[in-house]
PDB file of N, CA and C in Angstrom:
ATOM      1  N   MET A   1       4.778  -3.690 -37.093  1.00  0.00           N
ATOM      2  CA  MET A   1       3.730  -3.915 -36.126  1.00  0.00           C
ATOM      3  C   MET A   1       3.041  -5.222 -36.498  1.00  0.00           C
ATOM      4  N   THR A   2       2.835  -6.045 -35.501  1.00  0.00           N
ATOM      5  CA  THR A   2       2.171  -7.329 -35.668  1.00  0.00           C
ATOM      6  C   THR A   2       0.717  -7.190 -35.248  1.00  0.00           C
ATOM      7  N   THR A   3      -0.183  -7.832 -35.993  1.00  0.00           N
ATOM      8  CA  THR A   3      -1.598  -7.825 -35.639  1.00  0.00           C
ATOM      9  C   THR A   3      -2.032  -9.252 -35.348  1.00  0.00           C
ATOM     10  N   VAL A   4      -2.646  -9.452 -34.189  1.00  0.00           N
ATOM     11  CA  VAL A   4      -3.182 -10.760 -33.812  1.00  0.00           C
ATOM     12  C   VAL A   4      -4.611 -10.563 -33.320  1.00  0.00           C
ATOM     13  N   THR A   5      -5.381 -11.634 -33.352  1.00  0.00           N
ATOM     14  CA  THR A   5      -6.750 -11.567 -32.848  1.00  0.00           C
ATOM     15  C   THR A   5      -6.798 -12.178 -31.453  1.00  0.00           C
ATOM     16  N   THR A   6      -7.882 -11.906 -30.759  1.00  0.00           N
ATOM     17  CA  THR A   6      -8.047 -12.479 -29.425  1.00  0.00           C
ATOM     18  C   THR A   6      -8.087 -13.997 -29.501  1.00  0.00           C
ATOM     19  N   THR A   7      -8.635 -14.529 -30.579  1.00  0.00           N
ATOM     20  CA  THR A   7      -8.675 -15.979 -30.772  1.00  0.00           C
ATOM     21  C   THR A   7      -7.263 -16.538 -30.906  1.00  0.00           C
ATOM     22  N   ASP A   8      -6.403 -15.840 -31.648  1.00  0.00           N
ATOM     23  CA  ASP A   8      -5.010 -16.270 -31.797  1.00  0.00           C
ATOM     24  C   ASP A   8      -4.320 -16.347 -30.441  1.00  0.00           C
ATOM     25  N   ILE A   9      -4.593 -15.369 -29.582  1.00  0.00           N
ATOM     26  CA  ILE A   9      -3.960 -15.336 -28.262  1.00  0.00           C
ATOM     27  C   ILE A   9      -4.439 -16.495 -27.400  1.00  0.00           C
ATOM     28  N   LEU A  10      -5.729 -16.819 -27.498  1.00  0.00           N
ATOM     29  CA  LEU A  10      -6.245 -17.958 -26.733  1.00  0.00           C
ATOM     30  C   LEU A  10      -5.594 -19.259 -27.183  1.00  0.00           C
ATOM     31  N   ARG A  11      -5.346 -19.378 -28.467  1.00  0.00           N
ATOM     32  CA  ARG A  11      -4.722 -20.601 -29.000  1.00  0.00           C
ATOM     33  C   ARG A  11      -3.218 -20.634 -28.738  1.00  0.00           C
ATOM     34  N   HIS A  12      -2.572 -19.479 -28.834  1.00  0.00           N
ATOM     35  CA  HIS A  12      -1.109 -19.393 -28.700  1.00  0.00           C
ATOM     36  C   HIS A  12      -0.746 -18.245 -27.755  1.00  0.00           C
ATOM     37  N   PRO A  13      -0.825 -18.461 -26.440  1.00  0.00           N
ATOM     38  CA  PRO A  13      -0.522 -17.386 -25.477  1.00  0.00           C
ATOM     39  C   PRO A  13       0.886 -16.813 -25.606  1.00  0.00           C
ATOM     40  N   ALA A  14       1.795 -17.555 -26.207  1.00  0.00           N
ATOM     41  CA  ALA A  14       3.167 -17.070 -26.366  1.00  0.00           C
ATOM     42  C   ALA A  14       3.227 -15.825 -27.250  1.00  0.00           C
ATOM     43  N   LEU A  15       2.174 -15.548 -28.012  1.00  0.00           N
ATOM     44  CA  LEU A  15       2.149 -14.342 -28.841  1.00  0.00           C
ATOM     45  C   LEU A  15       2.250 -13.071 -27.998  1.00  0.00           C
ATOM     46  N   LEU A  16       1.847 -13.160 -26.738  1.00  0.00           N
ATOM     47  CA  LEU A  16       1.929 -11.998 -25.848  1.00  0.00           C
ATOM     48  C   LEU A  16       3.355 -11.702 -25.409  1.00  0.00           C
ATOM     49  N   ASN A  17       4.264 -12.616 -25.614  1.00  0.00           N
ATOM     50  CA  ASN A  17       5.654 -12.427 -25.207  1.00  0.00           C
ATOM     51  C   ASN A  17       6.503 -11.801 -26.296  1.00  0.00           C
ATOM     52  N   ALA A  18       5.904 -11.409 -27.394  1.00  0.00           N
ATOM     53  CA  ALA A  18       6.668 -10.816 -28.489  1.00  0.00           C
ATOM     54  C   ALA A  18       7.138  -9.427 -28.075  1.00  0.00           C
ATOM     55  N   ALA A  19       8.370  -9.336 -27.610  1.00  0.00           N
ATOM     56  CA  ALA A  19       8.904  -8.072 -27.092  1.00  0.00           C
ATOM     57  C   ALA A  19       9.694  -7.302 -28.145  1.00  0.00           C
ATOM     58  N   ASP A  20       9.693  -7.776 -29.380  1.00  0.00           N
ATOM     59  CA  ASP A  20      10.508  -7.138 -30.403  1.00  0.00           C
ATOM     60  C   ASP A  20       9.802  -5.994 -31.124  1.00  0.00           C
ATOM     61  N   GLY A  21       8.525  -5.803 -30.875  1.00  0.00           N
ATOM     62  CA  GLY A  21       7.812  -4.720 -31.548  1.00  0.00           C
ATOM     63  C   GLY A  21       6.441  -4.503 -30.948  1.00  0.00           C
ATOM     64  N   ILE A  22       5.677  -3.663 -31.595  1.00  0.00           N
ATOM     65  CA  ILE A  22       4.331  -3.341 -31.147  1.00  0.00           C
ATOM     66  C   ILE A  22       3.365  -4.374 -31.707  1.00  0.00           C
ATOM     67  N   THR A  23       2.458  -4.858 -30.858  1.00  0.00           N
ATOM     68  CA  THR A  23       1.464  -5.841 -31.272  1.00  0.00           C
ATOM     69  C   THR A  23       0.078  -5.241 -31.095  1.00  0.00           C
ATOM     70  N   LEU A  24      -0.711  -5.253 -32.168  1.00  0.00           N
ATOM     71  CA  LEU A  24      -2.086  -4.778 -32.136  1.00  0.00           C
ATOM     72  C   LEU A  24      -2.990  -5.985 -31.939  1.00  0.00           C
ATOM     73  N   ILE A  25      -3.849  -5.934 -30.925  1.00  0.00           N
ATOM     74  CA  ILE A  25      -4.753  -7.045 -30.626  1.00  0.00           C
ATOM     75  C   ILE A  25      -6.152  -6.647 -31.077  1.00  0.00           C
ATOM     76  N   GLU A  26      -6.707  -7.444 -32.000  1.00  0.00           N
ATOM     77  CA  GLU A  26      -8.034  -7.177 -32.545  1.00  0.00           C
ATOM     78  C   GLU A  26      -9.056  -8.141 -31.975  1.00  0.00           C
ATOM     79  N   ASP A  27     -10.306  -7.703 -31.957  1.00  0.00           N
ATOM     80  CA  ASP A  27     -11.424  -8.577 -31.618  1.00  0.00           C
ATOM     81  C   ASP A  27     -11.514  -9.639 -32.715  1.00  0.00           C
ATOM     82  N   GLY A  28     -11.643 -10.900 -32.327  1.00  0.00           N
ATOM     83  CA  GLY A  28     -11.657 -11.992 -33.287  1.00  0.00           C
ATOM     84  C   GLY A  28     -12.852 -11.992 -34.212  1.00  0.00           C
ATOM     85  N   ARG A  29     -13.985 -11.517 -33.748  1.00  0.00           N
ATOM     86  CA  ARG A  29     -15.203 -11.545 -34.566  1.00  0.00           C
ATOM     87  C   ARG A  29     -15.396 -10.270 -35.373  1.00  0.00           C
ATOM     88  N   ARG A  30     -15.206  -9.145 -34.727  1.00  0.00           N
ATOM     89  CA  ARG A  30     -15.495  -7.863 -35.380  1.00  0.00           C
ATOM     90  C   ARG A  30     -14.297  -7.270 -36.108  1.00  0.00           C
ATOM     91  N   HIS A  31     -13.113  -7.787 -35.836  1.00  0.00           N
ATOM     92  CA  HIS A  31     -11.860  -7.277 -36.405  1.00  0.00           C
ATOM     93  C   HIS A  31     -11.684  -5.785 -36.107  1.00  0.00           C
ATOM     94  N   GLU A  32     -12.010  -5.422 -34.855  1.00  0.00           N
ATOM     95  CA  GLU A  32     -11.805  -4.056 -34.376  1.00  0.00           C
ATOM     96  C   GLU A  32     -10.613  -4.048 -33.428  1.00  0.00           C
ATOM     97  N   PRO A  33      -9.777  -3.031 -33.487  1.00  0.00           N
ATOM     98  CA  PRO A  33      -8.661  -2.946 -32.538  1.00  0.00           C
ATOM     99  C   PRO A  33      -9.173  -2.855 -31.103  1.00  0.00           C
ATOM    100  N   LYS A  34      -8.579  -3.639 -30.213  1.00  0.00           N
ATOM    101  CA  LYS A  34      -8.978  -3.649 -28.806  1.00  0.00           C
ATOM    102  C   LYS A  34      -7.852  -3.180 -27.891  1.00  0.00           C
ATOM    103  N   SER A  35      -6.637  -3.632 -28.160  1.00  0.00           N
ATOM    104  CA  SER A  35      -5.510  -3.315 -27.280  1.00  0.00           C
ATOM    105  C   SER A  35      -4.223  -3.226 -28.087  1.00  0.00           C
ATOM    106  N   VAL A  36      -3.227  -2.610 -27.466  1.00  0.00           N
ATOM    107  CA  VAL A  36      -1.897  -2.517 -28.059  1.00  0.00           C
ATOM    108  C   VAL A  36      -0.895  -2.998 -27.025  1.00  0.00           C
ATOM    109  N   LEU A  37      -0.007  -3.869 -27.435  1.00  0.00           N
ATOM    110  CA  LEU A  37       1.036  -4.404 -26.566  1.00  0.00           C
ATOM    111  C   LEU A  37       2.357  -3.750 -26.961  1.00  0.00           C
ATOM    112  N   LEU A  38       2.968  -3.041 -25.994  1.00  0.00           N
ATOM    113  CA  LEU A  38       4.222  -2.329 -26.237  1.00  0.00           C
ATOM    114  C   LEU A  38       5.373  -3.005 -25.511  1.00  0.00           C
ATOM    115  N   PRO A  39       6.571  -2.975 -26.086  1.00  0.00           N
ATOM    116  CA  PRO A  39       7.740  -3.413 -25.326  1.00  0.00           C
ATOM    117  C   PRO A  39       7.935  -2.480 -24.128  1.00  0.00           C
ATOM    118  N   TYR A  40       8.421  -3.017 -23.027  1.00  0.00           N
ATOM    119  CA  TYR A  40       8.545  -2.231 -21.799  1.00  0.00           C
ATOM    120  C   TYR A  40       9.464  -1.024 -21.980  1.00  0.00           C
ATOM    121  N   ALA A  41      10.527  -1.172 -22.752  1.00  0.00           N
ATOM    122  CA  ALA A  41      11.447  -0.051 -22.972  1.00  0.00           C
ATOM    123  C   ALA A  41      10.727   1.123 -23.637  1.00  0.00           C
ATOM    124  N   LEU A  42       9.841   0.835 -24.562  1.00  0.00           N
ATOM    125  CA  LEU A  42       9.064   1.881 -25.216  1.00  0.00           C
ATOM    126  C   LEU A  42       8.024   2.449 -24.263  1.00  0.00           C
ATOM    127  N   TYR A  43       7.404   1.580 -23.483  1.00  0.00           N
ATOM    128  CA  TYR A  43       6.398   2.025 -22.515  1.00  0.00           C
ATOM    129  C   TYR A  43       6.992   3.036 -21.535  1.00  0.00           C
ATOM    130  N   LYS A  44       8.230   2.785 -21.077  1.00  0.00           N
ATOM    131  CA  LYS A  44       8.860   3.703 -20.128  1.00  0.00           C
ATOM    132  C   LYS A  44       9.004   5.100 -20.727  1.00  0.00           C
ATOM    133  N   LYS A  45       9.191   5.180 -22.051  1.00  0.00           N
ATOM    134  CA  LYS A  45       9.353   6.476 -22.702  1.00  0.00           C
ATOM    135  C   LYS A  45       8.025   7.208 -22.884  1.00  0.00           C
ATOM    136  N   VAL A  46       6.934   6.477 -23.098  1.00  0.00           N
ATOM    137  CA  VAL A  46       5.645   7.115 -23.396  1.00  0.00           C
ATOM    138  C   VAL A  46       4.643   7.008 -22.249  1.00  0.00           C
ATOM    139  N   ARG A  47       5.078   6.489 -21.118  1.00  0.00           N
ATOM    140  CA  ARG A  47       4.179   6.254 -19.986  1.00  0.00           C
ATOM    141  C   ARG A  47       3.449   7.513 -19.537  1.00  0.00           C
ATOM    142  N   GLU A  48       4.164   8.595 -19.378  1.00  0.00           N
ATOM    143  CA  GLU A  48       3.552   9.830 -18.892  1.00  0.00           C
ATOM    144  C   GLU A  48       2.495  10.344 -19.868  1.00  0.00           C
ATOM    145  N   GLN A  49       2.782  10.269 -21.167  1.00  0.00           N
ATOM    146  CA  GLN A  49       1.807  10.704 -22.166  1.00  0.00           C
ATOM    147  C   GLN A  49       0.559   9.833 -22.130  1.00  0.00           C
ATOM    148  N   ILE A  50       0.735   8.532 -21.968  1.00  0.00           N
ATOM    149  CA  ILE A  50      -0.401   7.615 -21.899  1.00  0.00           C
ATOM    150  C   ILE A  50      -1.242   7.919 -20.667  1.00  0.00           C
ATOM    151  N   GLU A  51      -0.596   8.113 -19.527  1.00  0.00           N
ATOM    152  CA  GLU A  51      -1.333   8.420 -18.297  1.00  0.00           C
ATOM    153  C   GLU A  51      -2.090   9.738 -18.416  1.00  0.00           C
ATOM    154  N   ASP A  52      -1.481  10.738 -19.056  1.00  0.00           N
ATOM    155  CA  ASP A  52      -2.162  12.020 -19.262  1.00  0.00           C
ATOM    156  C   ASP A  52      -3.406  11.849 -20.122  1.00  0.00           C
ATOM    157  N   GLU A  53      -3.284  11.085 -21.198  1.00  0.00           N
ATOM    158  CA  GLU A  53      -4.431  10.866 -22.087  1.00  0.00           C
ATOM    159  C   GLU A  53      -5.532  10.078 -21.387  1.00  0.00           C
ATOM    160  N   LEU A  54      -5.161   9.084 -20.588  1.00  0.00           N
ATOM    161  CA  LEU A  54      -6.171   8.328 -19.843  1.00  0.00           C
ATOM    162  C   LEU A  54      -6.902   9.228 -18.858  1.00  0.00           C
ATOM    163  N   TYR A  55      -6.171  10.138 -18.214  1.00  0.00           N
ATOM    164  CA  TYR A  55      -6.789  11.087 -17.291  1.00  0.00           C
ATOM    165  C   TYR A  55      -7.784  11.983 -18.027  1.00  0.00           C
ATOM    166  N   LEU A  56      -7.364  12.486 -19.182  1.00  0.00           N
ATOM    167  CA  LEU A  56      -8.251  13.348 -19.961  1.00  0.00           C
ATOM    168  C   LEU A  56      -9.482  12.593 -20.444  1.00  0.00           C
ATOM    169  N   MET A  57      -9.291  11.354 -20.874  1.00  0.00           N
ATOM    170  CA  MET A  57     -10.428  10.557 -21.341  1.00  0.00           C
ATOM    171  C   MET A  57     -11.412  10.297 -20.211  1.00  0.00           C
ATOM    172  N   SER A  58     -10.900  10.020 -19.025  1.00  0.00           N
ATOM    173  CA  SER A  58     -11.792   9.727 -17.903  1.00  0.00           C
ATOM    174  C   SER A  58     -12.538  10.974 -17.441  1.00  0.00           C
ATOM    175  N   ASN A  59     -11.964  12.146 -17.666  1.00  0.00           N
ATOM    176  CA  ASN A  59     -12.608  13.391 -17.253  1.00  0.00           C
ATOM    177  C   ASN A  59     -13.325  14.109 -18.393  1.00  0.00           C
ATOM    178  N   GLN A  60     -13.308  13.524 -19.573  1.00  0.00           N
ATOM    179  CA  GLN A  60     -13.954  14.144 -20.725  1.00  0.00           C
ATOM    180  C   GLN A  60     -15.450  14.333 -20.484  1.00  0.00           C
ATOM    181  N   LYS A  61     -16.100  13.351 -19.894  1.00  0.00           N
ATOM    182  CA  LYS A  61     -17.534  13.445 -19.634  1.00  0.00           C
ATOM    183  C   LYS A  61     -17.828  14.545 -18.619  1.00  0.00           C
ATOM    184  N   ALA A  62     -16.974  14.675 -17.621  1.00  0.00           N
ATOM    185  CA  ALA A  62     -17.183  15.696 -16.596  1.00  0.00           C
ATOM    186  C   ALA A  62     -16.990  17.101 -17.166  1.00  0.00           C
ATOM    187  N   LEU A  63     -16.051  17.239 -18.088  1.00  0.00           N
ATOM    188  CA  LEU A  63     -15.793  18.549 -18.669  1.00  0.00           C
ATOM    189  C   LEU A  63     -16.855  18.952 -19.689  1.00  0.00           C
ATOM    190  N   GLY A  64     -17.449  17.999 -20.358  1.00  0.00           N
ATOM    191  CA  GLY A  64     -18.345  18.313 -21.464  1.00  0.00           C
ATOM    192  C   GLY A  64     -17.524  18.444 -22.732  1.00  0.00           C
ATOM    193  N   THR A  65     -18.145  18.273 -23.871  1.00  0.00           N
ATOM    194  CA  THR A  65     -17.424  18.244 -25.140  1.00  0.00           C
ATOM    195  C   THR A  65     -16.738  19.566 -25.460  1.00  0.00           C
ATOM    196  N   GLU A  66     -17.444  20.677 -25.308  1.00  0.00           N
ATOM    197  CA  GLU A  66     -16.852  21.984 -25.621  1.00  0.00           C
ATOM    198  C   GLU A  66     -15.695  22.315 -24.688  1.00  0.00           C
ATOM    199  N   ALA A  67     -15.897  22.105 -23.410  1.00  0.00           N
ATOM    200  CA  ALA A  67     -14.850  22.402 -22.432  1.00  0.00           C
ATOM    201  C   ALA A  67     -13.644  21.494 -22.637  1.00  0.00           C
ATOM    202  N   TYR A  68     -13.883  20.251 -23.022  1.00  0.00           N
ATOM    203  CA  TYR A  68     -12.786  19.310 -23.263  1.00  0.00           C
ATOM    204  C   TYR A  68     -11.936  19.786 -24.440  1.00  0.00           C
ATOM    205  N   GLN A  69     -12.575  20.202 -25.532  1.00  0.00           N
ATOM    206  CA  GLN A  69     -11.842  20.686 -26.700  1.00  0.00           C
ATOM    207  C   GLN A  69     -11.048  21.949 -26.352  1.00  0.00           C
ATOM    208  N   GLU A  70     -11.658  22.843 -25.584  1.00  0.00           N
ATOM    209  CA  GLU A  70     -10.970  24.062 -25.163  1.00  0.00           C
ATOM    210  C   GLU A  70      -9.772  23.726 -24.279  1.00  0.00           C
ATOM    211  N   PHE A  71      -9.940  22.749 -23.396  1.00  0.00           N
ATOM    212  CA  PHE A  71      -8.854  22.319 -22.523  1.00  0.00           C
ATOM    213  C   PHE A  71      -7.689  21.768 -23.344  1.00  0.00           C
ATOM    214  N   LEU A  72      -7.986  20.964 -24.370  1.00  0.00           N
ATOM    215  CA  LEU A  72      -6.928  20.410 -25.214  1.00  0.00           C
ATOM    216  C   LEU A  72      -6.165  21.516 -25.938  1.00  0.00           C
ATOM    217  N   GLU A  73      -6.872  22.535 -26.411  1.00  0.00           N
ATOM    218  CA  GLU A  73      -6.212  23.653 -27.085  1.00  0.00           C
ATOM    219  C   GLU A  73      -5.300  24.409 -26.118  1.00  0.00           C
ATOM    220  N   LEU A  74      -5.788  24.657 -24.916  1.00  0.00           N
ATOM    221  CA  LEU A  74      -4.976  25.348 -23.909  1.00  0.00           C
ATOM    222  C   LEU A  74      -3.756  24.525 -23.524  1.00  0.00           C
ATOM    223  N   GLU A  75      -3.942  23.218 -23.433  1.00  0.00           N
ATOM    224  CA  GLU A  75      -2.835  22.343 -23.063  1.00  0.00           C
ATOM    225  C   GLU A  75      -1.715  22.422 -24.089  1.00  0.00           C
ATOM    226  N   GLU A  76      -2.064  22.463 -25.383  1.00  0.00           N
ATOM    227  CA  GLU A  76      -1.054  22.566 -26.435  1.00  0.00           C
ATOM    228  C   GLU A  76      -0.278  23.873 -26.316  1.00  0.00           C
ATOM    229  N   VAL A  77      -0.973  24.969 -26.043  1.00  0.00           N
ATOM    230  CA  VAL A  77      -0.319  26.272 -25.901  1.00  0.00           C
ATOM    231  C   VAL A  77       0.629  26.257 -24.709  1.00  0.00           C
ATOM    232  N   ILE A  78       0.189  25.695 -23.607  1.00  0.00           N
ATOM    233  CA  ILE A  78       1.027  25.633 -22.404  1.00  0.00           C
ATOM    234  C   ILE A  78       2.264  24.786 -22.651  1.00  0.00           C
ATOM    235  N   GLU A  79       2.098  23.654 -23.349  1.00  0.00           N
ATOM    236  CA  GLU A  79       3.254  22.801 -23.640  1.00  0.00           C
ATOM    237  C   GLU A  79       4.254  23.527 -24.524  1.00  0.00           C
ATOM    238  N   ASP A  80       3.765  24.354 -25.461  1.00  0.00           N
ATOM    239  CA  ASP A  80       4.663  25.121 -26.320  1.00  0.00           C
ATOM    240  C   ASP A  80       5.446  26.162 -25.523  1.00  0.00           C
ATOM    241  N   LEU A  81       4.822  26.724 -24.503  1.00  0.00           N
ATOM    242  CA  LEU A  81       5.486  27.732 -23.680  1.00  0.00           C
ATOM    243  C   LEU A  81       6.545  27.134 -22.763  1.00  0.00           C
ATOM    244  N   VAL A  82       6.349  25.893 -22.374  1.00  0.00           N
ATOM    245  CA  VAL A  82       7.273  25.261 -21.422  1.00  0.00           C
ATOM    246  C   VAL A  82       8.457  24.748 -22.112  1.00  0.00           C
TER     247      VAL A  82
END
């Protein structure tokens, strides 16, 4: 996995074309992870899982913390049954 900062990307945009592996993009000042760049072939394999997690994250506030945790537990049980 390659790690680059946002400043590196501004200086060398070609870093975004690195399709040979996963690239972690960090904030240049705070050195906090901001984004992950995946090769498209890998994205096609994990797309559904990513979309499911984004859906859960967007609805986490609506569910409330307790209900969200309960939902995650139920989801694991259902996946095991299927």
